[in-house]
Amino acid sequence: MSDFRQEEPNKKKLFVGNLPFSITQGELEETFSQFGELASVNVITDRMSGRSKGFAFVEFTTEEAAQAAVDGMAGKQIGERDAIVNLARPRTNDGGSRGGSRGGFGGGGRSFDRNDRRGGNRY
């Protein structure tokens, strides 16, 4: 049996999605500071390019401020894009599985590429 534990949700931390790729941490701080004191702002970026991946996490010092931000940002735009703002879901300890197929033909979990040693198109 696995040692799977569900974390309690942090009601002060928000997921902010559908952001423009040009968004900066400062712009998000400015946008969300109107709802209360911020504990942290973390724009998720691509490791290679350093460019935003289009989402971020914003944490407030109080649950009330976080809920005010969720309510206040409903239907609002950030950089001409309709922002998605809701409570962040806690990470799970399921080994990093995010579901989905691992690629390849027929969803068999095997990818056929130029490094395939078996050669040929096998069906």
PDB file of N, CA and C in Angstrom:
ATOM      1  N   MET A   1       0.829  -1.182   0.000  1.00  0.00           N
ATOM      2  CA  MET A   1       0.000   0.000   0.000  1.00  0.00           C
ATOM      3  C   MET A   1       0.872   1.243   0.000  1.00  0.00           C
ATOM      4  N   SER A   2       0.432   2.263  -0.693  1.00  0.00           N
ATOM      5  CA  SER A   2       1.226   3.491  -0.753  1.00  0.00           C
ATOM      6  C   SER A   2       0.912   4.388   0.432  1.00  0.00           C
ATOM      7  N   ASP A   3       1.860   5.218   0.740  1.00  0.00           N
ATOM      8  CA  ASP A   3       1.695   6.175   1.832  1.00  0.00           C
ATOM      9  C   ASP A   3       1.193   7.483   1.234  1.00  0.00           C
ATOM     10  N   PHE A   4      -0.078   7.494   0.855  1.00  0.00           N
ATOM     11  CA  PHE A   4      -0.668   8.651   0.179  1.00  0.00           C
ATOM     12  C   PHE A   4      -1.381   9.517   1.199  1.00  0.00           C
ATOM     13  N   ARG A   5      -0.932  10.757   1.292  1.00  0.00           N
ATOM     14  CA  ARG A   5      -1.554  11.696   2.220  1.00  0.00           C
ATOM     15  C   ARG A   5      -2.017  12.921   1.451  1.00  0.00           C
ATOM     16  N   GLN A   6      -3.234  13.288   1.699  1.00  0.00           N
ATOM     17  CA  GLN A   6      -3.796  14.479   1.063  1.00  0.00           C
ATOM     18  C   GLN A   6      -3.512  15.669   1.965  1.00  0.00           C
ATOM     19  N   GLU A   7      -2.849  16.679   1.428  1.00  0.00           N
ATOM     20  CA  GLU A   7      -2.588  17.897   2.189  1.00  0.00           C
ATOM     21  C   GLU A   7      -3.863  18.686   2.367  1.00  0.00           C
ATOM     22  N   GLU A   8      -3.925  19.399   3.456  1.00  0.00           N
ATOM     23  CA  GLU A   8      -5.031  20.330   3.656  1.00  0.00           C
ATOM     24  C   GLU A   8      -4.836  21.499   2.693  1.00  0.00           C
ATOM     25  N   PRO A   9      -5.910  21.972   2.072  1.00  0.00           N
ATOM     26  CA  PRO A   9      -5.754  23.105   1.164  1.00  0.00           C
ATOM     27  C   PRO A   9      -5.330  24.366   1.913  1.00  0.00           C
ATOM     28  N   ASN A  10      -4.455  25.130   1.287  1.00  0.00           N
ATOM     29  CA  ASN A  10      -4.020  26.410   1.836  1.00  0.00           C
ATOM     30  C   ASN A  10      -4.989  27.456   1.304  1.00  0.00           C
ATOM     31  N   LYS A  11      -5.873  27.933   2.139  1.00  0.00           N
ATOM     32  CA  LYS A  11      -6.916  28.848   1.703  1.00  0.00           C
ATOM     33  C   LYS A  11      -6.410  30.273   1.505  1.00  0.00           C
ATOM     34  N   LYS A  12      -5.095  30.452   1.632  1.00  0.00           N
ATOM     35  CA  LYS A  12      -4.489  31.760   1.393  1.00  0.00           C
ATOM     36  C   LYS A  12      -3.783  31.805   0.037  1.00  0.00           C
ATOM     37  N   LYS A  13      -3.635  30.652  -0.595  1.00  0.00           N
ATOM     38  CA  LYS A  13      -2.861  30.554  -1.839  1.00  0.00           C
ATOM     39  C   LYS A  13      -3.790  30.374  -3.028  1.00  0.00           C
ATOM     40  N   LEU A  14      -3.563  31.188  -4.065  1.00  0.00           N
ATOM     41  CA  LEU A  14      -4.402  31.174  -5.252  1.00  0.00           C
ATOM     42  C   LEU A  14      -3.620  30.732  -6.479  1.00  0.00           C
ATOM     43  N   PHE A  15      -4.314  30.028  -7.354  1.00  0.00           N
ATOM     44  CA  PHE A  15      -3.811  29.719  -8.685  1.00  0.00           C
ATOM     45  C   PHE A  15      -4.337  30.815  -9.604  1.00  0.00           C
ATOM     46  N   VAL A  16      -3.468  31.389 -10.414  1.00  0.00           N
ATOM     47  CA  VAL A  16      -3.867  32.413 -11.378  1.00  0.00           C
ATOM     48  C   VAL A  16      -3.431  31.919 -12.749  1.00  0.00           C
ATOM     49  N   GLY A  17      -4.412  31.652 -13.617  1.00  0.00           N
ATOM     50  CA  GLY A  17      -4.109  31.083 -14.919  1.00  0.00           C
ATOM     51  C   GLY A  17      -4.575  31.956 -16.064  1.00  0.00           C
ATOM     52  N   ASN A  18      -4.241  31.515 -17.265  1.00  0.00           N
ATOM     53  CA  ASN A  18      -4.546  32.211 -18.516  1.00  0.00           C
ATOM     54  C   ASN A  18      -3.913  33.600 -18.549  1.00  0.00           C
ATOM     55  N   LEU A  19      -2.689  33.663 -18.056  1.00  0.00           N
ATOM     56  CA  LEU A  19      -1.956  34.925 -18.037  1.00  0.00           C
ATOM     57  C   LEU A  19      -1.202  35.125 -19.343  1.00  0.00           C
ATOM     58  N   PRO A  20      -0.963  36.373 -19.720  1.00  0.00           N
ATOM     59  CA  PRO A  20      -0.114  36.608 -20.890  1.00  0.00           C
ATOM     60  C   PRO A  20       1.310  36.125 -20.587  1.00  0.00           C
ATOM     61  N   PHE A  21       1.998  35.640 -21.601  1.00  0.00           N
ATOM     62  CA  PHE A  21       3.346  35.121 -21.401  1.00  0.00           C
ATOM     63  C   PHE A  21       4.345  36.224 -21.050  1.00  0.00           C
ATOM     64  N   SER A  22       3.952  37.460 -21.224  1.00  0.00           N
ATOM     65  CA  SER A  22       4.831  38.586 -20.918  1.00  0.00           C
ATOM     66  C   SER A  22       4.659  39.096 -19.480  1.00  0.00           C
ATOM     67  N   ILE A  23       3.800  38.476 -18.688  1.00  0.00           N
ATOM     68  CA  ILE A  23       3.493  38.951 -17.340  1.00  0.00           C
ATOM     69  C   ILE A  23       4.748  38.928 -16.460  1.00  0.00           C
ATOM     70  N   THR A  24       4.849  39.908 -15.583  1.00  0.00           N
ATOM     71  CA  THR A  24       5.963  39.953 -14.637  1.00  0.00           C
ATOM     72  C   THR A  24       5.423  39.821 -13.217  1.00  0.00           C
ATOM     73  N   GLN A  25       6.314  39.477 -12.317  1.00  0.00           N
ATOM     74  CA  GLN A  25       5.945  39.366 -10.910  1.00  0.00           C
ATOM     75  C   GLN A  25       5.434  40.706 -10.389  1.00  0.00           C
ATOM     76  N   GLY A  26       6.078  41.789 -10.781  1.00  0.00           N
ATOM     77  CA  GLY A  26       5.668  43.119 -10.347  1.00  0.00           C
ATOM     78  C   GLY A  26       4.261  43.473 -10.788  1.00  0.00           C
ATOM     79  N   GLU A  27       3.911  43.092 -12.014  1.00  0.00           N
ATOM     80  CA  GLU A  27       2.560  43.363 -12.506  1.00  0.00           C
ATOM     81  C   GLU A  27       1.511  42.595 -11.704  1.00  0.00           C
ATOM     82  N   LEU A  28       1.817  41.350 -11.362  1.00  0.00           N
ATOM     83  CA  LEU A  28       0.872  40.578 -10.556  1.00  0.00           C
ATOM     84  C   LEU A  28       0.772  41.125  -9.140  1.00  0.00           C
ATOM     85  N   GLU A  29       1.901  41.524  -8.569  1.00  0.00           N
ATOM     86  CA  GLU A  29       1.874  42.131  -7.234  1.00  0.00           C
ATOM     87  C   GLU A  29       0.982  43.368  -7.229  1.00  0.00           C
ATOM     88  N   GLU A  30       1.121  44.189  -8.238  1.00  0.00           N
ATOM     89  CA  GLU A  30       0.309  45.402  -8.343  1.00  0.00           C
ATOM     90  C   GLU A  30      -1.179  45.061  -8.473  1.00  0.00           C
ATOM     91  N   THR A  31      -1.491  44.070  -9.291  1.00  0.00           N
ATOM     92  CA  THR A  31      -2.882  43.677  -9.523  1.00  0.00           C
ATOM     93  C   THR A  31      -3.527  43.126  -8.259  1.00  0.00           C
ATOM     94  N   PHE A  32      -2.816  42.268  -7.532  1.00  0.00           N
ATOM     95  CA  PHE A  32      -3.421  41.569  -6.399  1.00  0.00           C
ATOM     96  C   PHE A  32      -3.246  42.275  -5.063  1.00  0.00           C
ATOM     97  N   SER A  33      -2.340  43.229  -4.950  1.00  0.00           N
ATOM     98  CA  SER A  33      -2.134  43.916  -3.673  1.00  0.00           C
ATOM     99  C   SER A  33      -3.340  44.753  -3.262  1.00  0.00           C
ATOM    100  N   GLN A  34      -4.214  45.068  -4.207  1.00  0.00           N
ATOM    101  CA  GLN A  34      -5.418  45.838  -3.877  1.00  0.00           C
ATOM    102  C   GLN A  34      -6.383  45.049  -2.988  1.00  0.00           C
ATOM    103  N   PHE A  35      -6.219  43.722  -2.915  1.00  0.00           N
ATOM    104  CA  PHE A  35      -7.125  42.894  -2.127  1.00  0.00           C
ATOM    105  C   PHE A  35      -6.605  42.600  -0.730  1.00  0.00           C
ATOM    106  N   GLY A  36      -5.342  42.857  -0.481  1.00  0.00           N
ATOM    107  CA  GLY A  36      -4.774  42.614   0.841  1.00  0.00           C
ATOM    108  C   GLY A  36      -3.274  42.416   0.766  1.00  0.00           C
ATOM    109  N   GLU A  37      -2.674  42.160   1.925  1.00  0.00           N
ATOM    110  CA  GLU A  37      -1.231  41.996   2.015  1.00  0.00           C
ATOM    111  C   GLU A  37      -0.808  40.661   1.394  1.00  0.00           C
ATOM    112  N   LEU A  38       0.190  40.735   0.539  1.00  0.00           N
ATOM    113  CA  LEU A  38       0.686  39.549  -0.154  1.00  0.00           C
ATOM    114  C   LEU A  38       1.816  38.899   0.641  1.00  0.00           C
ATOM    115  N   ALA A  39       1.787  37.567   0.705  1.00  0.00           N
ATOM    116  CA  ALA A  39       2.884  36.816   1.320  1.00  0.00           C
ATOM    117  C   ALA A  39       3.910  36.446   0.257  1.00  0.00           C
ATOM    118  N   SER A  40       3.430  36.099  -0.959  1.00  0.00           N
ATOM    119  CA  SER A  40       4.343  35.743  -2.051  1.00  0.00           C
ATOM    120  C   SER A  40       3.617  35.782  -3.382  1.00  0.00           C
ATOM    121  N   VAL A  41       4.399  35.995  -4.436  1.00  0.00           N
ATOM    122  CA  VAL A  41       3.919  35.921  -5.811  1.00  0.00           C
ATOM    123  C   VAL A  41       4.960  35.118  -6.574  1.00  0.00           C
ATOM    124  N   ASN A  42       4.497  34.057  -7.254  1.00  0.00           N
ATOM    125  CA  ASN A  42       5.421  33.188  -7.961  1.00  0.00           C
ATOM    126  C   ASN A  42       4.913  32.947  -9.375  1.00  0.00           C
ATOM    127  N   VAL A  43       5.496  33.658 -10.348  1.00  0.00           N
ATOM    128  CA  VAL A  43       5.171  33.446 -11.757  1.00  0.00           C
ATOM    129  C   VAL A  43       5.961  32.223 -12.203  1.00  0.00           C
ATOM    130  N   ILE A  44       5.264  31.225 -12.734  1.00  0.00           N
ATOM    131  CA  ILE A  44       5.924  29.996 -13.165  1.00  0.00           C
ATOM    132  C   ILE A  44       6.523  30.230 -14.551  1.00  0.00           C
ATOM    133  N   THR A  45       7.825  29.971 -14.664  1.00  0.00           N
ATOM    134  CA  THR A  45       8.537  30.250 -15.910  1.00  0.00           C
ATOM    135  C   THR A  45       9.154  28.980 -16.482  1.00  0.00           C
ATOM    136  N   ASP A  46       9.393  29.007 -17.770  1.00  0.00           N
ATOM    137  CA  ASP A  46      10.074  27.931 -18.468  1.00  0.00           C
ATOM    138  C   ASP A  46      11.550  27.972 -18.084  1.00  0.00           C
ATOM    139  N   ARG A  47      12.108  26.844 -17.730  1.00  0.00           N
ATOM    140  CA  ARG A  47      13.513  26.805 -17.292  1.00  0.00           C
ATOM    141  C   ARG A  47      14.485  27.200 -18.383  1.00  0.00           C
ATOM    142  N   MET A  48      14.160  26.852 -19.609  1.00  0.00           N
ATOM    143  CA  MET A  48      15.085  27.128 -20.713  1.00  0.00           C
ATOM    144  C   MET A  48      15.018  28.587 -21.177  1.00  0.00           C
ATOM    145  N   SER A  49      13.810  29.085 -21.415  1.00  0.00           N
ATOM    146  CA  SER A  49      13.669  30.421 -21.986  1.00  0.00           C
ATOM    147  C   SER A  49      13.500  31.511 -20.933  1.00  0.00           C
ATOM    148  N   GLY A  50      13.057  31.139 -19.733  1.00  0.00           N
ATOM    149  CA  GLY A  50      12.797  32.138 -18.699  1.00  0.00           C
ATOM    150  C   GLY A  50      11.465  32.842 -18.880  1.00  0.00           C
ATOM    151  N   ARG A  51      10.723  32.477 -19.923  1.00  0.00           N
ATOM    152  CA  ARG A  51       9.434  33.106 -20.227  1.00  0.00           C
ATOM    153  C   ARG A  51       8.335  32.489 -19.361  1.00  0.00           C
ATOM    154  N   SER A  52       7.348  33.307 -19.005  1.00  0.00           N
ATOM    155  CA  SER A  52       6.219  32.832 -18.223  1.00  0.00           C
ATOM    156  C   SER A  52       5.511  31.696 -18.943  1.00  0.00           C
ATOM    157  N   LYS A  53       5.026  30.725 -18.172  1.00  0.00           N
ATOM    158  CA  LYS A  53       4.244  29.629 -18.746  1.00  0.00           C
ATOM    159  C   LYS A  53       2.759  29.978 -18.785  1.00  0.00           C
ATOM    160  N   GLY A  54       2.403  31.175 -18.322  1.00  0.00           N
ATOM    161  CA  GLY A  54       1.008  31.605 -18.393  1.00  0.00           C
ATOM    162  C   GLY A  54       0.212  31.346 -17.133  1.00  0.00           C
ATOM    163  N   PHE A  55       0.907  30.977 -16.047  1.00  0.00           N
ATOM    164  CA  PHE A  55       0.192  30.840 -14.782  1.00  0.00           C
ATOM    165  C   PHE A  55       1.122  31.191 -13.631  1.00  0.00           C
ATOM    166  N   ALA A  56       0.502  31.425 -12.473  1.00  0.00           N
ATOM    167  CA  ALA A  56       1.259  31.851 -11.293  1.00  0.00           C
ATOM    168  C   ALA A  56       0.518  31.432 -10.042  1.00  0.00           C
ATOM    169  N   PHE A  57       1.206  31.566  -8.918  1.00  0.00           N
ATOM    170  CA  PHE A  57       0.598  31.349  -7.612  1.00  0.00           C
ATOM    171  C   PHE A  57       0.774  32.624  -6.805  1.00  0.00           C
ATOM    172  N   VAL A  58      -0.315  33.064  -6.197  1.00  0.00           N
ATOM    173  CA  VAL A  58      -0.309  34.271  -5.380  1.00  0.00           C
ATOM    174  C   VAL A  58      -0.791  33.867  -4.000  1.00  0.00           C
ATOM    175  N   GLU A  59      -0.002  34.192  -2.976  1.00  0.00           N
ATOM    176  CA  GLU A  59      -0.387  33.848  -1.612  1.00  0.00           C
ATOM    177  C   GLU A  59      -0.575  35.119  -0.793  1.00  0.00           C
ATOM    178  N   PHE A  60      -1.669  35.161  -0.065  1.00  0.00           N
ATOM    179  CA  PHE A  60      -1.987  36.286   0.805  1.00  0.00           C
ATOM    180  C   PHE A  60      -1.671  35.925   2.250  1.00  0.00           C
ATOM    181  N   THR A  61      -1.639  36.938   3.117  1.00  0.00           N
ATOM    182  CA  THR A  61      -1.382  36.688   4.531  1.00  0.00           C
ATOM    183  C   THR A  61      -2.650  36.258   5.269  1.00  0.00           C
ATOM    184  N   THR A  62      -3.838  36.504   4.674  1.00  0.00           N
ATOM    185  CA  THR A  62      -5.083  36.091   5.312  1.00  0.00           C
ATOM    186  C   THR A  62      -6.001  35.394   4.309  1.00  0.00           C
ATOM    187  N   GLU A  63      -6.842  34.510   4.833  1.00  0.00           N
ATOM    188  CA  GLU A  63      -7.822  33.828   3.995  1.00  0.00           C
ATOM    189  C   GLU A  63      -8.842  34.812   3.431  1.00  0.00           C
ATOM    190  N   GLU A  64      -9.167  35.827   4.220  1.00  0.00           N
ATOM    191  CA  GLU A  64     -10.154  36.825   3.794  1.00  0.00           C
ATOM    192  C   GLU A  64      -9.670  37.595   2.569  1.00  0.00           C
ATOM    193  N   ALA A  65      -8.398  37.955   2.560  1.00  0.00           N
ATOM    194  CA  ALA A  65      -7.838  38.677   1.419  1.00  0.00           C
ATOM    195  C   ALA A  65      -7.814  37.781   0.174  1.00  0.00           C
ATOM    196  N   ALA A  66      -7.487  36.512   0.377  1.00  0.00           N
ATOM    197  CA  ALA A  66      -7.464  35.577  -0.756  1.00  0.00           C
ATOM    198  C   ALA A  66      -8.863  35.424  -1.348  1.00  0.00           C
ATOM    199  N   GLN A  67      -9.866  35.284  -0.489  1.00  0.00           N
ATOM    200  CA  GLN A  67     -11.242  35.142  -0.985  1.00  0.00           C
ATOM    201  C   GLN A  67     -11.706  36.425  -1.665  1.00  0.00           C
ATOM    202  N   ALA A  68     -11.294  37.573  -1.145  1.00  0.00           N
ATOM    203  CA  ALA A  68     -11.636  38.853  -1.778  1.00  0.00           C
ATOM    204  C   ALA A  68     -11.032  38.931  -3.178  1.00  0.00           C
ATOM    205  N   ALA A  69      -9.829  38.398  -3.354  1.00  0.00           N
ATOM    206  CA  ALA A  69      -9.177  38.398  -4.671  1.00  0.00           C
ATOM    207  C   ALA A  69      -9.918  37.469  -5.630  1.00  0.00           C
ATOM    208  N   VAL A  70     -10.320  36.291  -5.155  1.00  0.00           N
ATOM    209  CA  VAL A  70     -11.073  35.364  -6.009  1.00  0.00           C
ATOM    210  C   VAL A  70     -12.362  36.036  -6.465  1.00  0.00           C
ATOM    211  N   ASP A  71     -13.083  36.638  -5.523  1.00  0.00           N
ATOM    212  CA  ASP A  71     -14.342  37.314  -5.852  1.00  0.00           C
ATOM    213  C   ASP A  71     -14.116  38.539  -6.730  1.00  0.00           C
ATOM    214  N   GLY A  72     -13.089  39.326  -6.405  1.00  0.00           N
ATOM    215  CA  GLY A  72     -12.832  40.570  -7.121  1.00  0.00           C
ATOM    216  C   GLY A  72     -12.294  40.388  -8.528  1.00  0.00           C
ATOM    217  N   MET A  73     -11.644  39.262  -8.775  1.00  0.00           N
ATOM    218  CA  MET A  73     -11.052  39.020 -10.098  1.00  0.00           C
ATOM    219  C   MET A  73     -11.966  38.200 -11.010  1.00  0.00           C
ATOM    220  N   ALA A  74     -13.105  37.786 -10.508  1.00  0.00           N
ATOM    221  CA  ALA A  74     -14.037  37.004 -11.327  1.00  0.00           C
ATOM    222  C   ALA A  74     -14.455  37.813 -12.551  1.00  0.00           C
ATOM    223  N   GLY A  75     -14.209  37.262 -13.729  1.00  0.00           N
ATOM    224  CA  GLY A  75     -14.578  37.927 -14.978  1.00  0.00           C
ATOM    225  C   GLY A  75     -13.664  39.065 -15.396  1.00  0.00           C
ATOM    226  N   LYS A  76     -12.557  39.265 -14.692  1.00  0.00           N
ATOM    227  CA  LYS A  76     -11.616  40.347 -15.012  1.00  0.00           C
ATOM    228  C   LYS A  76     -10.532  39.863 -15.963  1.00  0.00           C
ATOM    229  N   GLN A  77      -9.888  40.827 -16.605  1.00  0.00           N
ATOM    230  CA  GLN A  77      -8.795  40.525 -17.518  1.00  0.00           C
ATOM    231  C   GLN A  77      -7.471  40.986 -16.935  1.00  0.00           C
ATOM    232  N   ILE A  78      -6.444  40.231 -17.275  1.00  0.00           N
ATOM    233  CA  ILE A  78      -5.071  40.630 -16.973  1.00  0.00           C
ATOM    234  C   ILE A  78      -4.353  40.602 -18.311  1.00  0.00           C
ATOM    235  N   GLY A  79      -3.924  41.764 -18.758  1.00  0.00           N
ATOM    236  CA  GLY A  79      -3.224  41.846 -20.042  1.00  0.00           C
ATOM    237  C   GLY A  79      -4.064  41.362 -21.206  1.00  0.00           C
ATOM    238  N   GLU A  80      -5.293  41.761 -21.271  1.00  0.00           N
ATOM    239  CA  GLU A  80      -6.221  41.429 -22.363  1.00  0.00           C
ATOM    240  C   GLU A  80      -6.571  39.944 -22.448  1.00  0.00           C
ATOM    241  N   ARG A  81      -6.355  39.213 -21.367  1.00  0.00           N
ATOM    242  CA  ARG A  81      -6.751  37.805 -21.310  1.00  0.00           C
ATOM    243  C   ARG A  81      -7.653  37.611 -20.099  1.00  0.00           C
ATOM    244  N   ASP A  82      -8.689  36.786 -20.257  1.00  0.00           N
ATOM    245  CA  ASP A  82      -9.599  36.504 -19.154  1.00  0.00           C
ATOM    246  C   ASP A  82      -8.875  35.665 -18.113  1.00  0.00           C
ATOM    247  N   ALA A  83      -8.632  36.257 -16.953  1.00  0.00           N
ATOM    248  CA  ALA A  83      -7.871  35.579 -15.906  1.00  0.00           C
ATOM    249  C   ALA A  83      -8.704  34.491 -15.242  1.00  0.00           C
ATOM    250  N   ILE A  84      -8.043  33.428 -14.865  1.00  0.00           N
ATOM    251  CA  ILE A  84      -8.641  32.359 -14.064  1.00  0.00           C
ATOM    252  C   ILE A  84      -8.020  32.480 -12.680  1.00  0.00           C
ATOM    253  N   VAL A  85      -8.844  32.715 -11.678  1.00  0.00           N
ATOM    254  CA  VAL A  85      -8.343  32.876 -10.311  1.00  0.00           C
ATOM    255  C   VAL A  85      -9.179  32.001  -9.387  1.00  0.00           C
ATOM    256  N   ASN A  86      -8.521  31.043  -8.737  1.00  0.00           N
ATOM    257  CA  ASN A  86      -9.203  30.219  -7.748  1.00  0.00           C
ATOM    258  C   ASN A  86      -8.208  29.688  -6.727  1.00  0.00           C
ATOM    259  N   LEU A  87      -8.726  29.042  -5.689  1.00  0.00           N
ATOM    260  CA  LEU A  87      -7.848  28.487  -4.668  1.00  0.00           C
ATOM    261  C   LEU A  87      -6.939  27.435  -5.297  1.00  0.00           C
ATOM    262  N   ALA A  88      -5.675  27.481  -4.927  1.00  0.00           N
ATOM    263  CA  ALA A  88      -4.714  26.501  -5.437  1.00  0.00           C
ATOM    264  C   ALA A  88      -4.990  25.158  -4.789  1.00  0.00           C
ATOM    265  N   ARG A  89      -4.923  24.108  -5.599  1.00  0.00           N
ATOM    266  CA  ARG A  89      -5.083  22.759  -5.057  1.00  0.00           C
ATOM    267  C   ARG A  89      -3.745  22.299  -4.508  1.00  0.00           C
ATOM    268  N   PRO A  90      -3.759  21.570  -3.404  1.00  0.00           N
ATOM    269  CA  PRO A  90      -2.494  21.080  -2.844  1.00  0.00           C
ATOM    270  C   PRO A  90      -1.871  20.022  -3.739  1.00  0.00           C
ATOM    271  N   ARG A  91      -0.559  19.916  -3.677  1.00  0.00           N
ATOM    272  CA  ARG A  91       0.148  18.862  -4.396  1.00  0.00           C
ATOM    273  C   ARG A  91      -0.223  17.531  -3.776  1.00  0.00           C
ATOM    274  N   THR A  92      -0.181  16.490  -4.580  1.00  0.00           N
ATOM    275  CA  THR A  92      -0.432  15.159  -4.056  1.00  0.00           C
ATOM    276  C   THR A  92       0.849  14.354  -4.128  1.00  0.00           C
ATOM    277  N   ASN A  93       0.955  13.360  -3.274  1.00  0.00           N
ATOM    278  CA  ASN A  93       2.144  12.499  -3.243  1.00  0.00           C
ATOM    279  C   ASN A  93       1.871  11.225  -4.020  1.00  0.00           C
ATOM    280  N   ASP A  94       1.555  11.346  -5.294  1.00  0.00           N
ATOM    281  CA  ASP A  94       1.244  10.171  -6.106  1.00  0.00           C
ATOM    282  C   ASP A  94       2.372   9.824  -7.063  1.00  0.00           C
ATOM    283  N   GLY A  95       3.564  10.242  -6.765  1.00  0.00           N
ATOM    284  CA  GLY A  95       4.709   9.898  -7.603  1.00  0.00           C
ATOM    285  C   GLY A  95       4.853  10.776  -8.829  1.00  0.00           C
ATOM    286  N   GLY A  96       4.140  11.876  -8.890  1.00  0.00           N
ATOM    287  CA  GLY A  96       4.271  12.796  -9.999  1.00  0.00           C
ATOM    288  C   GLY A  96       3.437  12.444 -11.205  1.00  0.00           C
ATOM    289  N   SER A  97       2.608  11.411 -11.117  1.00  0.00           N
ATOM    290  CA  SER A  97       1.785  11.017 -12.255  1.00  0.00           C
ATOM    291  C   SER A  97       0.736  12.072 -12.528  1.00  0.00           C
ATOM    292  N   ARG A  98       0.663  12.498 -13.761  1.00  0.00           N
ATOM    293  CA  ARG A  98      -0.335  13.485 -14.151  1.00  0.00           C
ATOM    294  C   ARG A  98      -1.310  12.899 -15.149  1.00  0.00           C
ATOM    295  N   GLY A  99      -1.252  11.595 -15.331  1.00  0.00           N
ATOM    296  CA  GLY A  99      -2.183  10.929 -16.226  1.00  0.00           C
ATOM    297  C   GLY A  99      -1.789  11.090 -17.677  1.00  0.00           C
ATOM    298  N   GLY A 100      -2.633  10.587 -18.541  1.00  0.00           N
ATOM    299  CA  GLY A 100      -2.393  10.725 -19.971  1.00  0.00           C
ATOM    300  C   GLY A 100      -1.502   9.631 -20.511  1.00  0.00           C
ATOM    301  N   SER A 101      -1.429   9.573 -21.805  1.00  0.00           N
ATOM    302  CA  SER A 101      -0.633   8.576 -22.500  1.00  0.00           C
ATOM    303  C   SER A 101       0.822   9.003 -22.531  1.00  0.00           C
ATOM    304  N   ARG A 102       1.693   8.030 -22.644  1.00  0.00           N
ATOM    305  CA  ARG A 102       3.117   8.333 -22.749  1.00  0.00           C
ATOM    306  C   ARG A 102       3.557   8.445 -24.189  1.00  0.00           C
ATOM    307  N   GLY A 103       2.620   8.597 -25.087  1.00  0.00           N
ATOM    308  CA  GLY A 103       2.968   8.802 -26.487  1.00  0.00           C
ATOM    309  C   GLY A 103       3.015   7.510 -27.261  1.00  0.00           C
ATOM    310  N   GLY A 104       3.446   7.582 -28.498  1.00  0.00           N
ATOM    311  CA  GLY A 104       3.564   6.404 -29.335  1.00  0.00           C
ATOM    312  C   GLY A 104       2.298   6.146 -30.130  1.00  0.00           C
ATOM    313  N   PHE A 105       2.292   5.018 -30.800  1.00  0.00           N
ATOM    314  CA  PHE A 105       1.158   4.628 -31.615  1.00  0.00           C
ATOM    315  C   PHE A 105       0.260   3.709 -30.806  1.00  0.00           C
ATOM    316  N   GLY A 106      -1.033   3.955 -30.864  1.00  0.00           N
ATOM    317  CA  GLY A 106      -1.974   3.088 -30.190  1.00  0.00           C
ATOM    318  C   GLY A 106      -2.005   3.256 -28.689  1.00  0.00           C
ATOM    319  N   GLY A 107      -1.329   4.253 -28.151  1.00  0.00           N
ATOM    320  CA  GLY A 107      -1.351   4.508 -26.716  1.00  0.00           C
ATOM    321  C   GLY A 107      -0.712   3.410 -25.897  1.00  0.00           C
ATOM    322  N   GLY A 108       0.139   2.598 -26.515  1.00  0.00           N
ATOM    323  CA  GLY A 108       0.760   1.491 -25.809  1.00  0.00           C
ATOM    324  C   GLY A 108       1.907   1.896 -24.913  1.00  0.00           C
ATOM    325  N   GLY A 109       2.177   3.160 -24.811  1.00  0.00           N
ATOM    326  CA  GLY A 109       3.242   3.622 -23.937  1.00  0.00           C
ATOM    327  C   GLY A 109       4.615   3.546 -24.578  1.00  0.00           C
ATOM    328  N   ARG A 110       4.704   3.132 -25.835  1.00  0.00           N
ATOM    329  CA  ARG A 110       5.989   3.041 -26.513  1.00  0.00           C
ATOM    330  C   ARG A 110       6.018   4.050 -27.636  1.00  0.00           C
ATOM    331  N   SER A 111       7.036   4.850 -27.661  1.00  0.00           N
ATOM    332  CA  SER A 111       7.185   5.867 -28.683  1.00  0.00           C
ATOM    333  C   SER A 111       8.122   5.355 -29.774  1.00  0.00           C
ATOM    334  N   PHE A 112       7.763   5.567 -31.013  1.00  0.00           N
ATOM    335  CA  PHE A 112       8.606   5.179 -32.131  1.00  0.00           C
ATOM    336  C   PHE A 112       9.267   6.428 -32.680  1.00  0.00           C
ATOM    337  N   ASP A 113      10.569   6.484 -32.585  1.00  0.00           N
ATOM    338  CA  ASP A 113      11.283   7.653 -33.078  1.00  0.00           C
ATOM    339  C   ASP A 113      12.572   7.204 -33.759  1.00  0.00           C
ATOM    340  N   ARG A 114      13.400   8.150 -34.143  1.00  0.00           N
ATOM    341  CA  ARG A 114      14.616   7.818 -34.883  1.00  0.00           C
ATOM    342  C   ARG A 114      15.604   7.007 -34.053  1.00  0.00           C
ATOM    343  N   ASN A 115      15.428   6.973 -32.739  1.00  0.00           N
ATOM    344  CA  ASN A 115      16.318   6.198 -31.887  1.00  0.00           C
ATOM    345  C   ASN A 115      15.779   4.796 -31.608  1.00  0.00           C
ATOM    346  N   ASP A 116      14.681   4.455 -32.242  1.00  0.00           N
ATOM    347  CA  ASP A 116      14.084   3.141 -32.037  1.00  0.00           C
ATOM    348  C   ASP A 116      14.993   2.085 -32.641  1.00  0.00           C
ATOM    349  N   ARG A 117      15.483   1.162 -31.832  1.00  0.00           N
ATOM    350  CA  ARG A 117      16.448   0.161 -32.291  1.00  0.00           C
ATOM    351  C   ARG A 117      15.778  -1.002 -33.023  1.00  0.00           C
ATOM    352  N   ARG A 118      14.467  -1.114 -32.882  1.00  0.00           N
ATOM    353  CA  ARG A 118      13.794  -2.230 -33.537  1.00  0.00           C
ATOM    354  C   ARG A 118      13.694  -2.017 -35.036  1.00  0.00           C
ATOM    355  N   GLY A 119      13.700  -0.791 -35.476  1.00  0.00           N
ATOM    356  CA  GLY A 119      13.641  -0.479 -36.906  1.00  0.00           C
ATOM    357  C   GLY A 119      12.290  -0.776 -37.533  1.00  0.00           C
ATOM    358  N   GLY A 120      12.016  -0.102 -38.639  1.00  0.00           N
ATOM    359  CA  GLY A 120      10.784  -0.355 -39.389  1.00  0.00           C
ATOM    360  C   GLY A 120       9.538   0.183 -38.695  1.00  0.00           C
ATOM    361  N   ASN A 121       8.448   0.154 -39.410  1.00  0.00           N
ATOM    362  CA  ASN A 121       7.156   0.570 -38.859  1.00  0.00           C
ATOM    363  C   ASN A 121       6.409  -0.681 -38.415  1.00  0.00           C
ATOM    364  N   ARG A 122       6.402  -0.941 -37.168  1.00  0.00           N
ATOM    365  CA  ARG A 122       5.726  -2.123 -36.644  1.00  0.00           C
ATOM    366  C   ARG A 122       4.384  -1.737 -36.095  1.00  0.00           C
ATOM    367  N   TYR A 123       3.399  -2.497 -36.487  1.00  0.00           N
ATOM    368  CA  TYR A 123       2.038  -2.221 -36.034  1.00  0.00           C
ATOM    369  C   TYR A 123       1.547  -3.330 -35.169  1.00  0.00           C
TER     370      TYR A 123
END
